[in-house]
Amino acid sequence: MANNEGKKFEEDFKKSVPSHLLCERYKDSPVQFKRVNNPADYLINSGKFILLVECKSVKGISLPLKNIRDDQVWEMLIRTCKLNTFGGFLINLRQLNETYFVFVEDYVYWLLFVHDRESLSLEWIRKHGYKLASQKKIKRYKYGVQGLLDWVKQQKYVEGGS
């Protein structure tokens, strides 16, 4: 069982993925100073598409850019060039008890063309993200992952694409 809030968020997210779906955790480096270039924390196979999810949990109401590694964004972008493979950031704003999913390409667009501050603001996250339902179960959370998957399918999925 995790001690820090970020690891608890990751555990709660994984437990919220419907059990009939494949949800794999990318392995982190066991040695803190040796970086592993994983594209995300999780890969979810919905049966129709692949979703890469990088979990970010912050105490405040914005996501500091220092919490997002450039190499990770690049690795995720490379993978999302494939048909029906999508990726993004699951942003847990603990102060507000709100959680949003933002597509990686929306983040990159902001980074390249807007980038007006050193963090993703609450206003931007709310405008460009999908808010996940969440329910507190005593001390831990259950997230509406199926709702997220339905939204991603509606936004991005290409039926029978080639």
Protein backbone atom coordinates (compact mmCIF):
# COMPACT_ATOMS: atom_id res chain seq x y z
CA MET A 1 0.00 0.00 0.00
CA ALA A 2 1.38 3.38 -1.06
CA ASN A 3 2.34 6.12 1.35
CA ASN A 4 2.58 9.20 -0.87
CA GLU A 5 -0.49 10.83 -2.40
CA GLY A 6 0.67 10.37 -5.99
CA LYS A 7 1.12 6.62 -5.59
CA LYS A 8 -2.25 6.34 -3.82
CA PHE A 9 -3.85 8.16 -6.78
CA GLU A 10 -2.21 5.74 -9.22
CA GLU A 11 -3.40 2.73 -7.21
CA ASP A 12 -6.94 4.10 -6.96
CA PHE A 13 -7.01 4.77 -10.70
CA LYS A 14 -5.90 1.23 -11.56
CA LYS A 15 -8.51 -0.26 -9.21
CA SER A 16 -11.14 1.90 -10.96
CA VAL A 17 -10.47 0.45 -14.43
CA PRO A 18 -13.25 -2.03 -15.32
CA SER A 19 -11.98 -5.53 -14.56
CA HIS A 20 -12.75 -6.91 -18.04
CA LEU A 21 -10.24 -4.51 -19.64
CA LEU A 22 -6.50 -4.93 -19.94
CA CYS A 23 -4.73 -2.34 -17.78
CA GLU A 24 -0.96 -2.65 -17.58
CA ARG A 25 1.39 -0.58 -15.49
CA TYR A 26 4.67 0.42 -17.08
CA LYS A 27 7.54 -0.44 -14.78
CA ASP A 28 9.41 2.42 -13.13
CA SER A 29 13.14 2.23 -12.59
CA PRO A 30 13.97 0.61 -9.23
CA VAL A 31 16.95 2.94 -8.99
CA GLN A 32 15.84 6.54 -8.49
CA PHE A 33 18.72 8.15 -10.40
CA LYS A 34 18.38 5.85 -13.44
CA ARG A 35 15.60 7.16 -15.66
CA VAL A 36 13.41 4.82 -17.68
CA ASN A 37 11.68 6.38 -20.71
CA ASN A 38 8.17 5.06 -20.25
CA PRO A 39 5.47 6.80 -22.28
CA ALA A 40 2.97 6.70 -19.40
CA ASP A 41 2.05 5.07 -16.12
CA TYR A 42 -0.67 2.85 -17.63
CA LEU A 43 -1.74 1.31 -20.90
CA ILE A 44 -5.45 0.48 -21.15
CA ASN A 45 -6.84 -1.65 -23.99
CA SER A 46 -10.55 -0.87 -24.30
CA GLY A 47 -11.05 -3.50 -27.00
CA LYS A 48 -11.49 -0.69 -29.56
CA PHE A 49 -8.52 1.54 -28.79
CA ILE A 50 -5.41 1.90 -26.64
CA LEU A 51 -5.23 4.66 -24.05
CA LEU A 52 -1.93 5.70 -22.46
CA VAL A 53 -2.44 7.40 -19.12
CA GLU A 54 0.16 9.39 -17.20
CA CYS A 55 -1.09 10.14 -13.67
CA LYS A 56 -0.21 13.50 -12.12
CA SER A 57 -1.36 14.35 -8.61
CA VAL A 58 -0.78 17.86 -7.29
CA LYS A 59 -1.62 19.54 -4.01
CA GLY A 60 -2.60 22.88 -5.60
CA ILE A 61 -4.97 23.97 -8.35
CA SER A 62 -2.59 23.93 -11.33
CA LEU A 63 -0.10 21.48 -12.82
CA PRO A 64 3.49 22.80 -12.76
CA LEU A 65 5.38 22.12 -16.01
CA LYS A 66 8.30 20.75 -13.99
CA ASN A 67 6.03 17.74 -13.24
CA ILE A 68 5.93 16.80 -16.94
CA ARG A 69 9.06 15.35 -18.56
CA ASP A 70 9.72 16.28 -22.20
CA ASP A 71 11.01 12.79 -23.03
CA GLN A 72 7.81 11.27 -21.70
CA VAL A 73 5.67 13.60 -23.82
CA TRP A 74 7.73 12.65 -26.87
CA GLU A 75 7.44 8.90 -26.16
CA MET A 76 3.68 9.24 -25.77
CA LEU A 77 3.35 11.30 -28.98
CA ILE A 78 5.28 8.69 -30.97
CA ARG A 79 2.85 5.99 -29.84
CA THR A 80 -0.27 8.08 -30.41
CA CYS A 81 0.62 8.39 -34.11
CA LYS A 82 -0.70 4.84 -34.46
CA LEU A 83 -4.35 4.27 -35.41
CA ASN A 84 -6.70 4.39 -32.43
CA THR A 85 -3.92 4.89 -29.90
CA PHE A 86 -4.46 7.90 -27.66
CA GLY A 87 -2.68 9.31 -24.65
CA GLY A 88 -2.77 12.02 -22.08
CA PHE A 89 -2.45 13.20 -18.54
CA LEU A 90 -4.79 12.30 -15.72
CA ILE A 91 -4.49 15.34 -13.46
CA ASN A 92 -5.62 14.98 -9.85
CA LEU A 93 -6.07 18.39 -8.19
CA ARG A 94 -6.18 17.33 -4.54
CA GLN A 95 -7.07 20.74 -3.11
CA LEU A 96 -10.31 20.71 -5.15
CA ASN A 97 -10.91 16.94 -5.17
CA GLU A 98 -11.20 17.16 -8.97
CA THR A 99 -9.60 14.93 -11.60
CA TYR A 100 -9.29 15.68 -15.32
CA PHE A 101 -7.93 13.90 -18.38
CA VAL A 102 -6.13 16.07 -20.97
CA PHE A 103 -4.98 14.67 -24.33
CA VAL A 104 -1.23 14.90 -24.89
CA GLU A 105 -1.70 16.74 -28.21
CA ASP A 106 -3.76 19.45 -26.47
CA TYR A 107 -0.95 19.88 -23.95
CA VAL A 108 1.67 20.08 -26.73
CA TYR A 109 -0.40 22.68 -28.59
CA TRP A 110 -0.59 24.76 -25.40
CA LEU A 111 3.14 24.32 -24.81
CA LEU A 112 4.09 25.41 -28.35
CA PHE A 113 1.58 28.18 -29.05
CA VAL A 114 0.20 29.51 -25.76
CA HIS A 115 2.63 28.72 -22.92
CA ASP A 116 1.83 31.88 -20.97
CA ARG A 117 2.93 30.57 -17.57
CA GLU A 118 4.96 27.77 -15.95
CA SER A 119 1.94 25.65 -15.12
CA LEU A 120 -1.31 24.44 -16.66
CA SER A 121 -3.95 26.64 -15.07
CA LEU A 122 -7.18 25.37 -13.56
CA GLU A 123 -9.11 27.35 -16.16
CA TRP A 124 -7.21 25.71 -19.04
CA ILE A 125 -7.50 22.22 -17.53
CA ARG A 126 -11.25 22.63 -17.06
CA LYS A 127 -11.71 23.97 -20.60
CA HIS A 128 -9.64 21.31 -22.38
CA GLY A 129 -10.00 18.32 -20.08
CA TYR A 130 -12.60 15.70 -19.30
CA LYS A 131 -13.66 15.73 -15.65
CA LEU A 132 -13.79 12.23 -14.19
CA ALA A 133 -16.47 11.38 -11.71
CA SER A 134 -14.98 10.40 -8.38
CA GLN A 135 -16.35 8.97 -5.19
CA LYS A 136 -14.56 8.79 -1.87
CA LYS A 137 -14.78 5.35 -0.29
CA ILE A 138 -13.80 5.91 3.36
CA LYS A 139 -10.15 6.96 2.75
CA ARG A 140 -9.57 6.08 -0.92
CA TYR A 141 -11.23 7.07 -4.21
CA LYS A 142 -13.07 5.30 -7.00
CA TYR A 143 -12.87 7.06 -10.37
CA GLY A 144 -15.30 6.98 -13.30
CA VAL A 145 -12.87 5.39 -15.75
CA GLN A 146 -15.63 3.93 -17.95
CA GLY A 147 -16.97 7.46 -18.48
CA LEU A 148 -13.48 8.57 -19.53
CA LEU A 149 -13.20 5.67 -22.00
CA ASP A 150 -16.63 6.48 -23.46
CA TRP A 151 -15.58 10.14 -23.88
CA VAL A 152 -12.27 9.20 -25.55
CA LYS A 153 -14.13 6.89 -27.95
CA GLN A 154 -16.57 9.68 -28.83
CA GLN A 155 -13.77 12.24 -29.31
CA LYS A 156 -11.12 10.23 -31.15
CA TYR A 157 -12.03 6.66 -32.14
CA VAL A 158 -12.03 5.82 -35.87
CA GLU A 159 -14.35 2.89 -36.67
CA GLY A 160 -12.74 0.35 -39.01
CA GLY A 161 -9.92 2.77 -39.83
CA SER A 162 -7.01 1.72 -41.97
